Protein backbone atom coordinates (compact mmCIF):
# COMPACT_ATOMS: atom_id res chain seq x y z
CA UNK A 1 155.28 -28.65 -161.09
CA UNK A 2 155.12 -25.36 -163.02
CA UNK A 3 156.04 -27.07 -166.29
CA UNK A 4 153.30 -29.68 -165.75
CA UNK A 5 150.72 -26.94 -165.12
CA UNK A 6 151.67 -25.06 -168.26
CA UNK A 7 151.61 -28.18 -170.41
CA UNK A 8 148.18 -29.06 -169.12
CA UNK A 9 147.01 -25.47 -169.51
CA UNK A 10 147.95 -25.39 -173.20
CA UNK A 11 146.77 -28.86 -174.16
CA UNK A 12 143.77 -27.37 -176.02
CA UNK A 13 145.85 -24.58 -177.58
CA UNK A 14 145.17 -24.33 -181.32
CA UNK A 15 148.68 -24.35 -182.80
CA UNK A 16 147.18 -24.52 -186.29
CA UNK A 17 145.46 -21.16 -185.70
CA UNK A 18 148.71 -19.55 -184.57
CA UNK A 19 150.56 -21.24 -187.44
CA UNK A 20 148.12 -19.80 -189.98
CA UNK A 21 148.59 -16.29 -188.58
CA UNK A 22 152.39 -16.64 -188.57
CA UNK A 23 152.38 -18.00 -192.13
CA UNK A 24 150.48 -14.91 -193.27
CA UNK A 25 152.93 -12.65 -191.43
CA UNK A 26 155.89 -14.45 -193.01
CA UNK A 27 154.38 -14.11 -196.48
CA UNK A 28 153.65 -10.47 -195.76
CA UNK A 29 157.25 -9.79 -194.76
CA UNK A 30 158.55 -11.33 -197.98
CA UNK A 31 156.20 -9.17 -200.06
CA UNK A 32 156.92 -6.15 -197.84
CA UNK A 33 160.65 -6.52 -198.44
CA UNK A 34 160.11 -6.42 -202.19
CA UNK A 35 157.59 -3.59 -201.98
CA UNK A 36 159.92 -1.42 -199.88
CA UNK A 37 163.05 -2.10 -201.93
CA UNK A 38 162.31 0.54 -204.55
CA UNK A 39 161.63 3.05 -201.81
CA UNK A 40 164.77 2.43 -199.76
CA UNK A 41 167.09 1.50 -202.63
CA UNK A 42 168.98 -0.85 -200.33
CA UNK A 43 168.35 -4.45 -199.28
CA UNK A 44 169.91 -3.80 -195.88
CA UNK A 45 167.74 -0.74 -195.29
CA UNK A 46 164.59 -2.58 -196.36
CA UNK A 47 165.38 -5.29 -193.82
CA UNK A 48 166.16 -2.85 -191.02
CA UNK A 49 163.31 -0.41 -191.68
CA UNK A 50 160.19 -1.98 -193.18
CA UNK A 51 160.77 -5.68 -192.48
CA UNK A 52 162.59 -5.12 -189.19
CA UNK A 53 159.81 -2.96 -187.77
CA UNK A 54 157.15 -5.38 -188.93
CA UNK A 55 159.05 -8.24 -187.30
CA UNK A 56 159.22 -6.27 -184.05
CA UNK A 57 155.48 -5.62 -184.14
CA UNK A 58 154.89 -9.31 -184.86
CA UNK A 59 156.99 -10.35 -181.84
CA UNK A 60 155.07 -7.92 -179.62
CA UNK A 61 151.81 -9.22 -181.05
CA UNK A 62 152.67 -12.88 -180.49
CA UNK A 63 153.79 -12.13 -176.92
CA UNK A 64 150.51 -10.35 -176.17
CA UNK A 65 148.63 -13.17 -177.86
CA UNK A 66 150.24 -15.83 -175.64
CA UNK A 67 149.52 -13.77 -172.54
CA UNK A 68 145.86 -13.34 -173.50
CA UNK A 69 145.53 -17.06 -174.24
CA UNK A 70 146.27 -17.75 -170.58
CA UNK A 71 143.70 -15.17 -169.48
CA UNK A 72 140.14 -16.43 -169.09
CA UNK A 73 138.20 -14.71 -171.87
CA UNK A 74 135.16 -14.44 -169.58
CA UNK A 75 137.00 -11.66 -167.75
CA UNK A 76 136.50 -9.61 -170.92
CA UNK A 77 132.74 -10.06 -170.55
CA UNK A 78 132.92 -8.90 -166.94
CA UNK A 79 134.87 -5.77 -167.93
CA UNK A 80 133.23 -5.10 -171.29
CA UNK A 81 132.09 -1.58 -170.43
CA UNK A 82 135.59 -0.38 -169.48
CA UNK A 83 136.96 -1.93 -172.68
CA UNK A 84 134.22 -0.27 -174.72
CA UNK A 85 134.84 3.14 -173.12
CA UNK A 86 138.57 2.79 -173.83
CA UNK A 87 137.76 2.19 -177.50
CA UNK A 88 135.50 5.24 -177.67
CA UNK A 89 138.02 7.37 -175.77
CA UNK A 90 140.81 6.46 -178.20
CA UNK A 91 138.68 7.53 -181.16
CA UNK A 92 137.87 10.86 -179.48
CA UNK A 93 141.52 11.52 -178.67
CA UNK A 94 142.60 10.93 -182.26
CA UNK A 95 140.12 13.56 -183.45
CA UNK A 96 141.58 16.07 -180.99
CA UNK A 97 145.34 15.49 -181.20
CA UNK A 98 145.63 13.14 -184.18
CA UNK A 99 148.03 13.43 -187.09
CA UNK A 100 146.51 14.24 -190.47
CA UNK A 101 147.92 12.14 -193.30
CA UNK A 102 146.57 12.34 -196.87
CA UNK A 103 143.41 14.12 -195.76
CA UNK A 104 142.48 11.79 -192.89
CA UNK A 105 143.08 12.03 -189.14
CA UNK A 106 143.41 8.42 -188.04
CA UNK A 107 146.72 8.29 -186.17
CA UNK A 108 148.29 9.55 -182.97
CA UNK A 109 152.02 10.20 -183.19
CA UNK A 110 153.80 8.69 -180.19
CA UNK A 111 157.39 9.31 -179.03
CA UNK A 112 159.84 7.70 -181.44
CA UNK A 113 157.63 8.47 -184.43
CA UNK A 114 155.36 5.44 -183.96
CA UNK A 115 151.89 6.00 -185.38
CA UNK A 116 149.12 4.54 -183.24
CA UNK A 117 145.78 3.92 -184.96
CA UNK A 118 143.08 3.69 -182.25
CA UNK A 119 140.42 2.43 -184.66
CA UNK A 120 142.26 -0.92 -184.94
CA UNK A 121 141.84 -1.53 -181.22
CA UNK A 122 138.33 -0.07 -181.21
CA UNK A 123 137.30 -2.97 -183.47
CA UNK A 124 138.17 -5.39 -180.67
CA UNK A 125 136.36 -3.25 -178.09
CA UNK A 126 133.26 -3.09 -180.28
CA UNK A 127 133.19 -6.85 -180.86
CA UNK A 128 133.57 -7.62 -177.14
CA UNK A 129 130.87 -5.11 -176.14
CA UNK A 130 128.43 -6.30 -178.79
CA UNK A 131 129.05 -9.97 -177.93
CA UNK A 132 128.29 -9.24 -174.27
CA UNK A 133 125.15 -7.27 -175.12
CA UNK A 134 123.77 -9.94 -177.45
CA UNK A 135 124.68 -12.90 -175.25
CA UNK A 136 122.92 -11.32 -172.26
CA UNK A 137 119.75 -10.89 -174.35
CA UNK A 138 119.80 -14.07 -176.41
CA UNK A 139 116.15 -14.84 -175.63
CA UNK A 140 114.94 -11.30 -176.41
CA UNK A 141 116.49 -10.67 -179.81
CA UNK A 142 113.04 -10.59 -181.42
CA UNK A 143 112.26 -7.41 -179.45
CA UNK A 144 112.78 -4.20 -181.50
CA UNK A 145 114.40 -2.36 -178.56
CA UNK A 146 117.05 -5.06 -178.18
CA UNK A 147 117.79 -5.02 -181.91
CA UNK A 148 118.05 -1.22 -181.97
CA UNK A 149 120.09 -1.28 -178.76
CA UNK A 150 122.76 -3.38 -180.45
CA UNK A 151 122.97 -0.84 -183.25
CA UNK A 152 123.09 2.04 -180.76
CA UNK A 153 126.02 0.33 -179.03
CA UNK A 154 128.07 0.32 -182.23
CA UNK A 155 126.89 3.73 -183.47
CA UNK A 156 129.40 5.85 -181.47
CA UNK A 157 132.31 3.79 -182.82
CA UNK A 158 131.01 3.99 -186.38
CA UNK A 159 130.26 7.71 -186.10
CA UNK A 160 133.64 8.69 -184.65
CA UNK A 161 135.51 6.67 -187.28
CA UNK A 162 133.37 8.15 -190.06
CA UNK A 163 134.31 11.67 -188.93
CA UNK A 164 138.07 10.98 -189.26
CA UNK A 165 137.11 10.34 -192.16
CA UNK A 166 137.53 6.59 -192.56
CA UNK A 167 134.70 5.15 -194.59
CA UNK A 168 136.43 1.77 -194.92
CA UNK A 169 136.63 1.15 -191.18
CA UNK A 170 133.05 2.41 -190.80
CA UNK A 171 132.01 -0.31 -193.26
CA UNK A 172 134.01 -2.86 -191.26
CA UNK A 173 132.17 -1.88 -188.06
CA UNK A 174 128.83 -2.02 -189.87
CA UNK A 175 129.54 -5.44 -191.36
CA UNK A 176 130.73 -6.83 -188.03
CA UNK A 177 127.54 -5.57 -186.35
CA UNK A 178 125.36 -7.10 -189.08
CA UNK A 179 127.17 -10.43 -189.03
CA UNK A 180 127.07 -10.70 -185.24
CA UNK A 181 123.37 -9.89 -184.89
CA UNK A 182 122.60 -12.46 -187.60
CA UNK A 183 124.74 -15.03 -185.76
CA UNK A 184 122.93 -14.17 -182.52
CA UNK A 185 119.57 -14.85 -184.18
CA UNK A 186 118.15 -11.39 -184.87
CA UNK A 187 114.77 -11.13 -186.56
CA UNK A 188 114.86 -11.16 -190.36
CA UNK A 189 111.96 -8.71 -190.33
CA UNK A 190 113.96 -6.19 -188.33
CA UNK A 191 116.92 -6.57 -190.69
CA UNK A 192 114.70 -6.08 -193.75
CA UNK A 193 113.13 -2.91 -192.30
CA UNK A 194 116.56 -1.50 -191.42
CA UNK A 195 117.87 -2.30 -194.91
CA UNK A 196 114.93 -0.43 -196.44
CA UNK A 197 115.56 2.61 -194.26
CA UNK A 198 119.28 2.63 -195.12
CA UNK A 199 118.59 2.38 -198.85
CA UNK A 200 116.11 5.26 -198.62
CA UNK A 201 118.62 7.42 -196.74
CA UNK A 202 121.61 6.78 -199.02
CA UNK A 203 120.93 9.79 -201.34
CA UNK A 204 120.65 12.14 -198.35
CA UNK A 205 123.77 10.68 -196.73
CA UNK A 206 125.76 11.25 -199.92
CA UNK A 207 124.69 14.90 -199.92
CA UNK A 208 124.98 15.69 -196.21
CA UNK A 209 127.45 13.34 -194.55
CA UNK A 210 130.05 12.44 -197.19
CA UNK A 211 133.08 14.74 -197.12
CA UNK A 212 134.87 16.20 -200.15
CA UNK A 213 137.68 13.72 -199.48
CA UNK A 214 135.28 10.78 -199.74
CA UNK A 215 133.47 12.24 -202.75
CA UNK A 216 136.81 12.50 -204.55
CA UNK A 217 137.56 8.83 -203.89
CA UNK A 218 134.12 7.78 -205.12
CA UNK A 219 134.51 9.86 -208.29
CA UNK A 220 137.95 8.33 -208.85
CA UNK A 221 136.51 4.84 -208.53
CA UNK A 222 133.78 5.56 -211.08
CA UNK A 223 136.17 7.13 -213.59
CA UNK A 224 139.91 6.95 -212.76
CA UNK A 225 140.79 7.94 -216.33
CA UNK A 226 139.34 11.41 -215.70
CA UNK A 227 142.41 12.28 -213.61
CA UNK A 228 144.81 9.50 -214.54
CA UNK A 229 147.89 11.40 -213.33
CA UNK A 230 146.22 12.69 -210.18
CA UNK A 231 143.63 11.01 -207.97
CA UNK A 232 143.16 8.12 -210.39
CA UNK A 233 146.87 7.39 -210.78
CA UNK A 234 147.32 4.76 -208.07
CA UNK A 235 144.06 2.99 -208.87
CA UNK A 236 145.17 2.52 -212.46
CA UNK A 237 148.70 1.47 -211.47
CA UNK A 238 147.28 -1.15 -209.09
CA UNK A 239 145.08 -2.51 -211.86
CA UNK A 240 148.06 -2.70 -214.21
CA UNK A 241 150.18 -4.38 -211.53
CA UNK A 242 147.69 -7.15 -210.80
CA UNK A 243 146.87 -7.64 -214.47
CA UNK A 244 150.51 -7.96 -215.52
CA UNK A 245 151.20 -10.76 -213.04
CA UNK A 246 149.65 -13.48 -215.14
CA UNK A 247 149.68 -17.05 -213.85
CA UNK A 248 153.05 -17.15 -212.08
CA UNK A 249 154.00 -13.47 -211.84
CA UNK A 250 157.02 -11.53 -213.02
CA UNK A 251 159.23 -12.91 -210.27
CA UNK A 252 160.36 -11.80 -206.83
CA UNK A 253 161.74 -8.22 -206.93
CA UNK A 254 161.00 -8.06 -210.67
CA UNK A 255 157.66 -6.28 -210.70
CA UNK A 256 157.89 -3.31 -213.05
CA UNK A 257 155.18 -1.16 -211.47
CA UNK A 258 156.40 -1.70 -207.90
CA UNK A 259 160.18 -1.80 -208.44
CA UNK A 260 160.21 1.22 -210.75
CA UNK A 261 158.13 3.23 -208.27
CA UNK A 262 154.97 3.66 -210.33
CA UNK A 263 152.76 2.01 -207.70
CA UNK A 264 152.29 4.16 -204.59
CA UNK A 265 151.30 3.01 -201.07
CA UNK A 266 152.70 -0.38 -202.08
CA UNK A 267 153.59 -1.43 -198.53
CA UNK A 268 150.14 -0.67 -197.11
CA UNK A 269 146.90 -0.25 -199.08
CA UNK A 270 148.23 -1.70 -202.34
CA UNK A 271 150.52 -4.47 -201.13
CA UNK A 272 148.23 -7.05 -202.76
CA UNK A 273 149.07 -5.46 -206.13
CA UNK A 274 152.77 -6.11 -205.46
CA UNK A 275 152.02 -9.74 -204.68
CA UNK A 276 149.80 -10.05 -207.75
CA UNK A 277 152.44 -8.56 -210.02
CA UNK A 278 155.41 -10.57 -208.73
CA UNK A 279 153.69 -13.81 -207.66
CA UNK A 280 150.81 -13.86 -210.13
CA UNK A 281 147.58 -15.82 -209.81
CA UNK A 282 149.44 -18.59 -207.99
CA UNK A 283 150.54 -16.16 -205.28
CA UNK A 284 147.00 -14.81 -204.91
CA UNK A 285 145.66 -18.36 -204.50
CA UNK A 286 148.32 -19.05 -201.85
CA UNK A 287 147.35 -15.90 -199.97
CA UNK A 288 143.62 -16.61 -200.14
CA UNK A 289 144.25 -20.21 -199.11
CA UNK A 290 146.06 -19.05 -195.97
CA UNK A 291 143.24 -16.65 -195.14
CA UNK A 292 140.66 -19.39 -195.71
CA UNK A 293 142.58 -21.69 -193.36
CA UNK A 294 142.80 -19.00 -190.67
CA UNK A 295 139.09 -18.20 -190.93
CA UNK A 296 138.20 -21.90 -190.75
CA UNK A 297 140.15 -22.15 -187.49
CA UNK A 298 138.33 -19.09 -186.12
CA UNK A 299 134.97 -20.62 -187.09
CA UNK A 300 136.08 -23.86 -185.43
CA UNK A 301 136.71 -21.91 -182.22
CA UNK A 302 133.23 -20.35 -182.49
CA UNK A 303 131.67 -23.79 -182.95
CA UNK A 304 133.42 -25.19 -179.86
CA UNK A 305 132.91 -22.15 -177.60
CA UNK A 306 131.27 -23.11 -174.31
CA UNK A 307 129.00 -20.04 -174.16
CA UNK A 308 127.27 -17.53 -176.41
CA UNK A 309 129.70 -14.78 -175.50
CA UNK A 310 132.70 -16.79 -176.69
CA UNK A 311 130.85 -17.91 -179.81
CA UNK A 312 129.92 -14.35 -180.75
CA UNK A 313 133.40 -12.95 -180.04
CA UNK A 314 135.00 -15.62 -182.25
CA UNK A 315 132.41 -15.00 -184.98
CA UNK A 316 133.01 -11.25 -184.77
CA UNK A 317 136.74 -11.67 -185.22
CA UNK A 318 136.21 -13.94 -188.24
CA UNK A 319 133.81 -11.41 -189.82
CA UNK A 320 136.27 -8.57 -189.15
CA UNK A 321 139.17 -10.33 -190.88
CA UNK A 322 137.03 -11.55 -193.79
CA UNK A 323 135.60 -8.07 -194.38
CA UNK A 324 139.02 -6.43 -194.45
CA UNK A 325 140.41 -9.04 -196.83
CA UNK A 326 137.44 -8.52 -199.16
CA UNK A 327 137.68 -4.72 -199.06
CA UNK A 328 141.47 -4.51 -199.49
CA UNK A 329 141.63 -6.94 -202.39
CA UNK A 330 138.49 -5.39 -203.89
CA UNK A 331 140.23 -2.00 -203.92
CA UNK A 332 143.35 -3.48 -205.54
CA UNK A 333 141.39 -5.06 -208.39
CA UNK A 334 139.08 -2.04 -208.74
CA UNK A 335 135.90 -3.64 -207.51
CA UNK A 336 135.63 -1.07 -204.69
CA UNK A 337 136.66 2.58 -204.12
CA UNK A 338 139.93 3.25 -202.28
CA UNK A 339 139.24 3.08 -198.54
CA UNK A 340 142.62 2.82 -196.80
CA UNK A 341 141.90 -0.59 -195.24
CA UNK A 342 145.04 -2.71 -194.58
CA UNK A 343 145.31 -6.32 -195.70
CA UNK A 344 145.30 -8.29 -192.39
CA UNK A 345 148.72 -9.65 -191.34
CA UNK A 346 150.21 -8.53 -194.68
CA UNK A 347 150.16 -4.72 -194.89
CA UNK A 348 152.81 -2.72 -193.05
CA UNK A 349 151.52 -1.28 -189.79
CA UNK A 350 152.02 -1.95 -186.11
CA UNK A 351 148.54 -1.10 -184.82
CA UNK A 352 146.82 -3.45 -187.24
CA UNK A 353 149.22 -6.34 -186.65
CA UNK A 354 149.16 -6.09 -182.86
CA UNK A 355 145.35 -5.79 -182.83
CA UNK A 356 145.06 -8.91 -184.99
CA UNK A 357 147.31 -10.89 -182.65
CA UNK A 358 145.21 -9.69 -179.71
CA UNK A 359 142.26 -11.25 -181.53
CA UNK A 360 144.24 -14.47 -182.04
CA UNK A 361 145.06 -14.54 -178.31
CA UNK A 362 141.39 -14.14 -177.35
CA UNK A 363 140.43 -16.88 -179.81
CA UNK A 364 143.00 -19.15 -178.16
CA UNK A 365 141.58 -18.34 -174.74
CA UNK A 366 138.13 -19.39 -175.93
CA UNK A 367 139.53 -22.56 -177.47
CA UNK A 368 141.53 -23.53 -174.39
CA UNK A 369 138.44 -23.26 -172.20
CA UNK A 370 135.88 -24.98 -174.39
CA UNK A 371 136.06 -27.84 -171.87
CA UNK A 372 136.34 -27.62 -168.11
CA UNK A 373 139.88 -29.05 -168.02
CA UNK A 374 141.29 -27.44 -164.87
């Protein structure tokens, strides 16, 4: 009886979506092993430390994902405000008791040395809250107060993250908001007016709001050669790494920049450079192909969602992942300034990986209920 219920319950489960996420995690672990080898100096230690921890986070993430798939996603809409407040609260706590690493306070150190990054989970809270707000007002999106209200809803999350400072995640929040209001059917006139205001305020924002830490990163992006052995060092090493990969790469564990320790942050921000160096253009195409497949499945979920809330949540998750992929790879190939944004499912980090699998679980919940099957 129980087995029959579970089989019926999961008959609309999107195994291709889960498979795409797991394929990215598997590829990430292979690259992570190579990236961490120069740091640990031991294959066994790389497996037990970097890869082992990532595998543990993946198992936790998949377990949470399966549990959320069985939960009716409409319960998230009913409890959106509590979820939103939890996201805001986490960002406030990190500013009070957070751990400062490399000039930014983005993590809370938990017992056992685990670093929790609240902004990863705040992305989910923001998407759920915004989806609820927009879906409840789908016939009033032409009204200026509704449009501005959606921005006001995301503003506390964006502001708190910006203070950390974390410009990259602020951009992710901003892009998710923009993409979701466009998907909801916001007025093009309102968007054009807002764009004009933002462009006019950029010079003042650069003077008033941008910290010394962020100014340094922007200056490094514009001219990394100015301090090639200081702030510009890793940017240049990443560029060399990707460029030296060629068509097929230098081979697994054979990347000179990564294996000889020239490339820093190679398990997190610059893990794409390791893949580019060792796997070449072919490896980059494989990675982008897997991301494209995953995003197509997320868009498929959005298309089949039975209500506007589910459609907007699925769209928000797709925009979130796409934005982070674009920013991380853009940083690695020097199209964008360094922002500290992880490559989804690939970069080392428990908070990011678990948050992404939470998103996968919610997507599955939407997919499993796109028809009234039980």
